[in-house]
Amino acid sequence: MTGAAQDVAGLIPQAGVARLVESVLELRADGIDCAGRIPSGHPLVREGCAPAFLGLEMAAQAAAAFEALRRREHEGQAAPRVGFLVSLRDVRLSMPELPAGVPLVASIRPLGGAASLALYEVRVLHAGVVVVHGTLGTFMHPADGPAGRDAE
């Protein structure tokens, strides 16, 4: 997918100020780029800035959008599913805080996985500069599991 950005409201379960990813900029076989921002009304925002680790949550939401779009392509459905960020490796935060309300880009690339576990290389960019980089691991409940059946 390239061209017009695609809204992520139907792809990830986060809503309101918890949703950091706003749209899909580009979907590739080897990853996804998503646009987003930390809402000024987010509970962790103080004096216009939020802790840089929120960039990791933004990247996890981009990974969730990527997985939903892959399910749409392979299974014909892309409903949000319950997932968890379960590991972080080699994380580098180039600044202690990220500005709220400004455009950010989360770029993820899948590194592999097994069953319901997946690893992603993640980057979050602010004004074209990588401000968050690392590897995150996720767990997603199977569609027929107790939390995956009705993850509304």
N, C-alpha and C. Protein backbone atom coordinates (compact mmCIF):
# COMPACT_ATOMS: atom_id res chain seq x y z
N MET A 1 0.84 -1.18 0.00
CA MET A 1 0.00 0.00 0.00
C MET A 1 0.88 1.23 0.00
N THR A 2 0.66 2.09 -0.91
CA THR A 2 1.29 3.41 -0.92
C THR A 2 0.20 4.40 -1.29
N GLY A 3 0.55 5.66 -1.34
CA GLY A 3 -0.45 6.66 -1.69
C GLY A 3 -1.09 7.24 -0.45
N ALA A 4 -2.41 7.42 -0.48
CA ALA A 4 -3.12 8.06 0.62
C ALA A 4 -2.98 7.25 1.90
N ALA A 5 -2.81 7.97 3.00
CA ALA A 5 -2.67 7.32 4.29
C ALA A 5 -3.98 6.65 4.67
N GLN A 6 -3.88 5.52 5.36
CA GLN A 6 -5.04 4.76 5.80
C GLN A 6 -5.20 4.91 7.30
N ASP A 7 -6.39 5.29 7.75
CA ASP A 7 -6.70 5.41 9.17
C ASP A 7 -6.58 4.04 9.84
N VAL A 8 -6.13 4.02 11.09
CA VAL A 8 -5.93 2.76 11.80
C VAL A 8 -7.04 2.43 12.81
N ALA A 9 -8.08 3.23 12.85
CA ALA A 9 -9.13 3.03 13.86
C ALA A 9 -9.67 1.60 13.88
N GLY A 10 -9.82 0.96 12.74
CA GLY A 10 -10.35 -0.40 12.71
C GLY A 10 -9.30 -1.48 12.78
N LEU A 11 -8.02 -1.07 12.95
CA LEU A 11 -6.93 -2.05 12.94
C LEU A 11 -6.35 -2.35 14.32
N ILE A 12 -6.38 -1.37 15.21
CA ILE A 12 -5.79 -1.54 16.54
C ILE A 12 -6.84 -1.23 17.60
N PRO A 13 -6.72 -1.86 18.77
CA PRO A 13 -7.75 -1.67 19.79
C PRO A 13 -7.65 -0.34 20.56
N GLN A 14 -6.52 0.33 20.52
CA GLN A 14 -6.38 1.57 21.28
C GLN A 14 -7.29 2.66 20.70
N ALA A 15 -7.80 3.51 21.60
CA ALA A 15 -8.67 4.61 21.19
C ALA A 15 -8.38 5.82 22.06
N GLY A 16 -8.92 6.95 21.68
CA GLY A 16 -8.74 8.17 22.45
C GLY A 16 -7.27 8.54 22.57
N VAL A 17 -6.88 9.05 23.73
CA VAL A 17 -5.49 9.47 23.91
C VAL A 17 -4.53 8.29 23.99
N ALA A 18 -5.04 7.08 24.11
CA ALA A 18 -4.17 5.90 24.12
C ALA A 18 -3.69 5.53 22.72
N ARG A 19 -4.40 5.99 21.69
CA ARG A 19 -3.99 5.69 20.31
C ARG A 19 -2.94 6.70 19.88
N LEU A 20 -1.72 6.20 19.69
CA LEU A 20 -0.61 7.05 19.27
C LEU A 20 -0.41 7.01 17.76
N VAL A 21 -0.75 5.89 17.14
CA VAL A 21 -0.65 5.75 15.68
C VAL A 21 -1.96 6.23 15.08
N GLU A 22 -1.84 7.10 14.07
CA GLU A 22 -3.03 7.67 13.44
C GLU A 22 -3.32 7.09 12.07
N SER A 23 -2.27 6.78 11.30
CA SER A 23 -2.50 6.30 9.95
C SER A 23 -1.31 5.49 9.45
N VAL A 24 -1.60 4.67 8.44
CA VAL A 24 -0.57 3.89 7.76
C VAL A 24 -0.08 4.73 6.59
N LEU A 25 1.23 5.00 6.57
CA LEU A 25 1.82 5.74 5.46
C LEU A 25 2.21 4.81 4.32
N GLU A 26 2.83 3.69 4.70
CA GLU A 26 3.27 2.73 3.69
C GLU A 26 3.29 1.33 4.29
N LEU A 27 2.70 0.40 3.58
CA LEU A 27 2.73 -1.01 3.96
C LEU A 27 3.58 -1.73 2.93
N ARG A 28 4.58 -2.46 3.41
CA ARG A 28 5.47 -3.23 2.54
C ARG A 28 5.48 -4.67 3.03
N ALA A 29 5.96 -5.57 2.20
CA ALA A 29 6.10 -6.96 2.62
C ALA A 29 7.05 -7.06 3.80
N ASP A 30 8.02 -6.16 3.88
CA ASP A 30 9.01 -6.23 4.95
C ASP A 30 8.78 -5.21 6.05
N GLY A 31 7.56 -4.68 6.19
CA GLY A 31 7.29 -3.78 7.29
C GLY A 31 6.23 -2.73 6.99
N ILE A 32 6.19 -1.74 7.86
CA ILE A 32 5.17 -0.70 7.76
C ILE A 32 5.72 0.60 8.32
N ASP A 33 5.27 1.71 7.77
CA ASP A 33 5.54 3.03 8.31
C ASP A 33 4.20 3.64 8.68
N CYS A 34 4.09 4.13 9.90
CA CYS A 34 2.85 4.73 10.38
C CYS A 34 3.11 6.14 10.90
N ALA A 35 2.16 7.02 10.65
CA ALA A 35 2.22 8.38 11.18
C ALA A 35 1.43 8.42 12.48
N GLY A 36 1.89 9.25 13.38
CA GLY A 36 1.17 9.41 14.64
C GLY A 36 1.72 10.57 15.43
N ARG A 37 1.27 10.65 16.63
CA ARG A 37 1.72 11.70 17.55
C ARG A 37 1.28 11.31 18.95
N ILE A 38 1.91 11.91 19.92
CA ILE A 38 1.49 11.74 21.31
C ILE A 38 0.48 12.85 21.57
N PRO A 39 -0.78 12.50 21.84
CA PRO A 39 -1.79 13.54 22.06
C PRO A 39 -1.43 14.44 23.24
N SER A 40 -1.67 15.72 23.08
CA SER A 40 -1.37 16.67 24.16
C SER A 40 -2.12 16.32 25.44
N GLY A 41 -3.28 15.66 25.30
CA GLY A 41 -4.07 15.28 26.47
C GLY A 41 -3.69 13.95 27.08
N HIS A 42 -2.63 13.31 26.58
CA HIS A 42 -2.19 12.02 27.13
C HIS A 42 -1.80 12.21 28.59
N PRO A 43 -2.14 11.27 29.47
CA PRO A 43 -1.86 11.45 30.91
C PRO A 43 -0.37 11.55 31.26
N LEU A 44 0.53 11.11 30.40
CA LEU A 44 1.96 11.22 30.69
C LEU A 44 2.59 12.51 30.18
N VAL A 45 1.82 13.34 29.50
CA VAL A 45 2.35 14.60 28.99
C VAL A 45 2.42 15.63 30.11
N ARG A 46 3.59 16.21 30.24
CA ARG A 46 3.82 17.30 31.21
C ARG A 46 4.57 18.40 30.49
N GLU A 47 4.03 19.61 30.57
CA GLU A 47 4.67 20.77 29.96
C GLU A 47 5.00 20.53 28.49
N GLY A 48 4.08 19.87 27.77
CA GLY A 48 4.22 19.68 26.33
C GLY A 48 5.10 18.52 25.90
N CYS A 49 5.59 17.72 26.84
CA CYS A 49 6.47 16.60 26.49
C CYS A 49 6.04 15.34 27.25
N ALA A 50 6.40 14.20 26.66
CA ALA A 50 6.10 12.90 27.27
C ALA A 50 7.39 12.09 27.33
N PRO A 51 7.48 11.12 28.24
CA PRO A 51 8.67 10.27 28.28
C PRO A 51 8.91 9.59 26.93
N ALA A 52 10.16 9.52 26.52
CA ALA A 52 10.51 8.96 25.22
C ALA A 52 10.09 7.50 25.08
N PHE A 53 9.93 6.79 26.20
CA PHE A 53 9.53 5.38 26.08
C PHE A 53 8.15 5.22 25.46
N LEU A 54 7.36 6.29 25.40
CA LEU A 54 6.07 6.19 24.71
C LEU A 54 6.27 5.91 23.22
N GLY A 55 7.45 6.21 22.70
CA GLY A 55 7.76 5.85 21.33
C GLY A 55 7.73 4.34 21.12
N LEU A 56 8.05 3.59 22.15
CA LEU A 56 7.98 2.12 22.06
C LEU A 56 6.53 1.66 21.96
N GLU A 57 5.64 2.31 22.67
CA GLU A 57 4.21 1.99 22.56
C GLU A 57 3.71 2.33 21.16
N MET A 58 4.17 3.46 20.64
CA MET A 58 3.78 3.83 19.28
C MET A 58 4.23 2.76 18.28
N ALA A 59 5.46 2.28 18.44
CA ALA A 59 5.98 1.24 17.56
C ALA A 59 5.18 -0.05 17.72
N ALA A 60 4.80 -0.40 18.95
CA ALA A 60 3.99 -1.60 19.18
C ALA A 60 2.63 -1.47 18.49
N GLN A 61 2.05 -0.28 18.51
CA GLN A 61 0.78 -0.06 17.81
C GLN A 61 0.97 -0.18 16.30
N ALA A 62 2.10 0.27 15.78
CA ALA A 62 2.38 0.12 14.35
C ALA A 62 2.51 -1.36 14.01
N ALA A 63 3.13 -2.14 14.89
CA ALA A 63 3.24 -3.59 14.67
C ALA A 63 1.85 -4.23 14.67
N ALA A 64 0.97 -3.77 15.55
CA ALA A 64 -0.40 -4.30 15.59
C ALA A 64 -1.14 -3.98 14.29
N ALA A 65 -0.96 -2.78 13.76
CA ALA A 65 -1.58 -2.42 12.49
C ALA A 65 -1.03 -3.29 11.36
N PHE A 66 0.27 -3.53 11.38
CA PHE A 66 0.92 -4.39 10.38
C PHE A 66 0.31 -5.79 10.41
N GLU A 67 0.18 -6.35 11.61
CA GLU A 67 -0.39 -7.70 11.74
C GLU A 67 -1.84 -7.74 11.29
N ALA A 68 -2.62 -6.70 11.61
CA ALA A 68 -4.02 -6.66 11.19
C ALA A 68 -4.12 -6.61 9.66
N LEU A 69 -3.27 -5.82 9.04
CA LEU A 69 -3.29 -5.73 7.57
C LEU A 69 -2.83 -7.03 6.93
N ARG A 70 -1.88 -7.72 7.55
CA ARG A 70 -1.48 -9.04 7.04
C ARG A 70 -2.62 -10.03 7.16
N ARG A 71 -3.36 -9.99 8.29
CA ARG A 71 -4.52 -10.88 8.43
C ARG A 71 -5.56 -10.57 7.37
N ARG A 72 -5.77 -9.29 7.08
CA ARG A 72 -6.73 -8.91 6.04
C ARG A 72 -6.31 -9.51 4.70
N GLU A 73 -5.04 -9.42 4.39
CA GLU A 73 -4.53 -9.93 3.12
C GLU A 73 -4.63 -11.45 3.02
N HIS A 74 -4.30 -12.14 4.12
CA HIS A 74 -4.25 -13.61 4.07
C HIS A 74 -5.55 -14.30 4.50
N GLU A 75 -6.31 -13.65 5.39
CA GLU A 75 -7.51 -14.30 5.93
C GLU A 75 -8.79 -13.54 5.64
N GLY A 76 -8.67 -12.35 5.07
CA GLY A 76 -9.85 -11.56 4.74
C GLY A 76 -10.45 -10.78 5.89
N GLN A 77 -9.77 -10.75 7.03
CA GLN A 77 -10.28 -9.96 8.18
C GLN A 77 -9.13 -9.24 8.85
N ALA A 78 -9.42 -8.05 9.39
CA ALA A 78 -8.37 -7.25 10.03
C ALA A 78 -8.85 -6.62 11.32
N ALA A 79 -9.79 -7.27 12.00
CA ALA A 79 -10.29 -6.73 13.25
C ALA A 79 -9.17 -6.66 14.29
N PRO A 80 -9.23 -5.66 15.17
CA PRO A 80 -8.22 -5.57 16.23
C PRO A 80 -8.21 -6.83 17.09
N ARG A 81 -7.01 -7.22 17.52
CA ARG A 81 -6.87 -8.39 18.40
C ARG A 81 -6.07 -7.95 19.62
N VAL A 82 -6.33 -8.59 20.74
CA VAL A 82 -5.60 -8.30 21.97
C VAL A 82 -4.16 -8.78 21.81
N GLY A 83 -3.23 -7.90 22.10
CA GLY A 83 -1.82 -8.24 22.04
C GLY A 83 -1.08 -7.58 23.19
N PHE A 84 0.12 -8.05 23.45
CA PHE A 84 0.91 -7.52 24.55
C PHE A 84 2.34 -7.31 24.12
N LEU A 85 2.92 -6.23 24.57
CA LEU A 85 4.35 -5.98 24.41
C LEU A 85 5.02 -6.79 25.52
N VAL A 86 5.84 -7.79 25.15
CA VAL A 86 6.37 -8.70 26.17
C VAL A 86 7.89 -8.60 26.36
N SER A 87 8.58 -7.96 25.42
CA SER A 87 10.03 -7.84 25.61
C SER A 87 10.57 -6.63 24.85
N LEU A 88 11.67 -6.11 25.38
CA LEU A 88 12.41 -5.02 24.75
C LEU A 88 13.88 -5.39 24.78
N ARG A 89 14.56 -5.17 23.65
CA ARG A 89 15.99 -5.46 23.58
C ARG A 89 16.71 -4.33 22.86
N ASP A 90 17.92 -4.04 23.32
CA ASP A 90 18.79 -3.09 22.65
C ASP A 90 18.09 -1.76 22.35
N VAL A 91 17.28 -1.30 23.27
CA VAL A 91 16.53 -0.05 23.07
C VAL A 91 17.46 1.14 23.29
N ARG A 92 17.37 2.07 22.35
CA ARG A 92 18.11 3.33 22.47
C ARG A 92 17.12 4.48 22.33
N LEU A 93 17.11 5.34 23.31
CA LEU A 93 16.29 6.55 23.29
C LEU A 93 17.26 7.72 23.15
N SER A 94 17.20 8.45 22.05
CA SER A 94 18.19 9.50 21.82
C SER A 94 17.86 10.79 22.55
N MET A 95 16.68 10.85 23.14
CA MET A 95 16.30 12.01 23.95
C MET A 95 15.40 11.52 25.08
N PRO A 96 15.40 12.20 26.21
CA PRO A 96 14.61 11.72 27.34
C PRO A 96 13.11 11.92 27.17
N GLU A 97 12.72 12.89 26.35
CA GLU A 97 11.31 13.19 26.16
C GLU A 97 11.02 13.41 24.68
N LEU A 98 9.76 13.16 24.33
CA LEU A 98 9.26 13.44 22.99
C LEU A 98 8.22 14.55 23.09
N PRO A 99 8.22 15.47 22.13
CA PRO A 99 7.22 16.53 22.17
C PRO A 99 5.83 15.98 21.88
N ALA A 100 4.85 16.49 22.58
CA ALA A 100 3.46 16.08 22.35
C ALA A 100 2.87 16.89 21.21
N GLY A 101 1.94 16.27 20.49
CA GLY A 101 1.20 16.97 19.46
C GLY A 101 1.94 17.19 18.15
N VAL A 102 3.15 16.67 18.03
CA VAL A 102 3.91 16.87 16.78
C VAL A 102 3.98 15.54 16.02
N PRO A 103 4.09 15.62 14.69
CA PRO A 103 4.13 14.39 13.89
C PRO A 103 5.36 13.52 14.20
N LEU A 104 5.11 12.24 14.31
CA LEU A 104 6.15 11.22 14.48
C LEU A 104 5.88 10.12 13.46
N VAL A 105 6.91 9.36 13.13
CA VAL A 105 6.74 8.21 12.23
C VAL A 105 7.30 6.98 12.93
N ALA A 106 6.49 5.95 13.02
CA ALA A 106 6.93 4.66 13.57
C ALA A 106 7.14 3.71 12.40
N SER A 107 8.33 3.15 12.33
CA SER A 107 8.67 2.22 11.26
C SER A 107 9.05 0.89 11.89
N ILE A 108 8.40 -0.18 11.46
CA ILE A 108 8.71 -1.50 12.02
C ILE A 108 9.05 -2.47 10.90
N ARG A 109 9.88 -3.42 11.27
CA ARG A 109 10.27 -4.50 10.34
C ARG A 109 10.23 -5.80 11.13
N PRO A 110 9.41 -6.77 10.68
CA PRO A 110 9.37 -8.05 11.40
C PRO A 110 10.69 -8.80 11.26
N LEU A 111 11.12 -9.38 12.38
CA LEU A 111 12.37 -10.15 12.40
C LEU A 111 12.11 -11.65 12.48
N GLY A 112 10.89 -12.04 12.80
CA GLY A 112 10.57 -13.46 12.91
C GLY A 112 9.62 -13.69 14.07
N GLY A 113 9.30 -14.94 14.27
CA GLY A 113 8.41 -15.28 15.36
C GLY A 113 8.02 -16.74 15.31
N ALA A 114 7.23 -17.14 16.26
CA ALA A 114 6.73 -18.51 16.34
C ALA A 114 5.39 -18.47 17.03
N ALA A 115 4.41 -19.12 16.43
CA ALA A 115 3.05 -19.17 16.97
C ALA A 115 2.56 -17.76 17.23
N SER A 116 2.24 -17.42 18.46
CA SER A 116 1.68 -16.11 18.79
C SER A 116 2.72 -15.08 19.18
N LEU A 117 4.00 -15.43 19.08
CA LEU A 117 5.08 -14.51 19.44
C LEU A 117 5.71 -13.93 18.18
N ALA A 118 6.12 -12.67 18.24
CA ALA A 118 6.77 -12.02 17.10
C ALA A 118 7.82 -11.03 17.60
N LEU A 119 8.87 -10.86 16.81
CA LEU A 119 9.92 -9.87 17.08
C LEU A 119 9.93 -8.85 15.96
N TYR A 120 10.17 -7.58 16.32
CA TYR A 120 10.21 -6.50 15.35
C TYR A 120 11.39 -5.57 15.64
N GLU A 121 12.05 -5.14 14.59
CA GLU A 121 12.98 -4.02 14.71
C GLU A 121 12.13 -2.77 14.58
N VAL A 122 12.31 -1.82 15.48
CA VAL A 122 11.46 -0.63 15.48
C VAL A 122 12.31 0.64 15.49
N ARG A 123 11.75 1.65 14.85
CA ARG A 123 12.34 2.99 14.85
C ARG A 123 11.21 4.00 14.93
N VAL A 124 11.43 5.03 15.70
CA VAL A 124 10.49 6.16 15.72
C VAL A 124 11.30 7.38 15.35
N LEU A 125 10.76 8.13 14.39
CA LEU A 125 11.45 9.32 13.90
C LEU A 125 10.67 10.58 14.25
N HIS A 126 11.42 11.61 14.62
CA HIS A 126 10.88 12.94 14.86
C HIS A 126 11.65 13.88 13.95
N ALA A 127 10.95 14.57 13.06
CA ALA A 127 11.58 15.48 12.10
C ALA A 127 12.67 14.77 11.30
N GLY A 128 12.43 13.50 10.96
CA GLY A 128 13.36 12.75 10.13
C GLY A 128 14.55 12.15 10.86
N VAL A 129 14.62 12.33 12.17
CA VAL A 129 15.74 11.83 12.98
C VAL A 129 15.24 10.67 13.85
N VAL A 130 15.99 9.57 13.89
CA VAL A 130 15.62 8.42 14.72
C VAL A 130 15.80 8.81 16.19
N VAL A 131 14.69 8.76 16.94
CA VAL A 131 14.73 9.11 18.36
C VAL A 131 14.51 7.90 19.26
N VAL A 132 13.97 6.82 18.70
CA VAL A 132 13.77 5.56 19.42
C VAL A 132 14.15 4.44 18.46
N HIS A 133 14.96 3.50 18.97
CA HIS A 133 15.36 2.36 18.14
C HIS A 133 15.51 1.15 19.05
N GLY A 134 15.14 -0.02 18.55
CA GLY A 134 15.32 -1.24 19.33
C GLY A 134 14.56 -2.40 18.74
N THR A 135 14.47 -3.45 19.53
CA THR A 135 13.74 -4.65 19.13
C THR A 135 12.67 -4.90 20.18
N LEU A 136 11.45 -5.12 19.72
CA LEU A 136 10.40 -5.45 20.67
C LEU A 136 9.77 -6.78 20.32
N GLY A 137 9.32 -7.46 21.36
CA GLY A 137 8.64 -8.73 21.21
C GLY A 137 7.18 -8.57 21.59
N THR A 138 6.31 -9.22 20.84
CA THR A 138 4.88 -9.15 21.13
C THR A 138 4.28 -10.55 21.24
N PHE A 139 3.20 -10.61 21.97
CA PHE A 139 2.39 -11.82 22.07
C PHE A 139 0.98 -11.42 21.67
N MET A 140 0.38 -12.16 20.75
CA MET A 140 -1.00 -11.90 20.35
C MET A 140 -1.81 -13.16 20.59
N HIS A 141 -2.92 -12.99 21.31
CA HIS A 141 -3.81 -14.13 21.55
C HIS A 141 -4.29 -14.69 20.22
N PRO A 142 -4.33 -16.00 20.11
CA PRO A 142 -4.91 -16.60 18.90
C PRO A 142 -6.36 -16.16 18.74
N ALA A 143 -6.83 -16.10 17.52
CA ALA A 143 -8.21 -15.64 17.25
C ALA A 143 -9.24 -16.46 17.99
N ASP A 144 -8.97 -17.75 18.21
CA ASP A 144 -9.95 -18.59 18.88
C ASP A 144 -9.68 -18.77 20.36
N GLY A 145 -8.67 -18.03 20.88
CA GLY A 145 -8.35 -18.10 22.31
C GLY A 145 -9.33 -17.28 23.10
N PRO A 146 -9.27 -17.37 24.44
CA PRO A 146 -10.24 -16.68 25.29
C PRO A 146 -10.22 -15.17 25.12
N ALA A 147 -9.04 -14.54 24.96
CA ALA A 147 -8.99 -13.09 24.81
C ALA A 147 -9.08 -12.67 23.36
N GLY A 148 -8.87 -13.58 22.42
CA GLY A 148 -8.89 -13.23 21.02
C GLY A 148 -10.27 -13.30 20.40
N ARG A 149 -11.18 -14.03 21.01
CA ARG A 149 -12.50 -14.25 20.43
C ARG A 149 -13.31 -12.98 20.36
N ASP A 150 -13.33 -12.22 21.43
CA ASP A 150 -14.16 -11.00 21.48
C ASP A 150 -13.31 -9.82 21.96
N ALA A 151 -12.22 -9.57 21.30
CA ALA A 151 -11.34 -8.47 21.71
C ALA A 151 -11.89 -7.15 21.21
N GLU A 152 -12.89 -6.63 21.87
CA GLU A 152 -13.54 -5.39 21.42
C GLU A 152 -13.01 -4.21 22.15
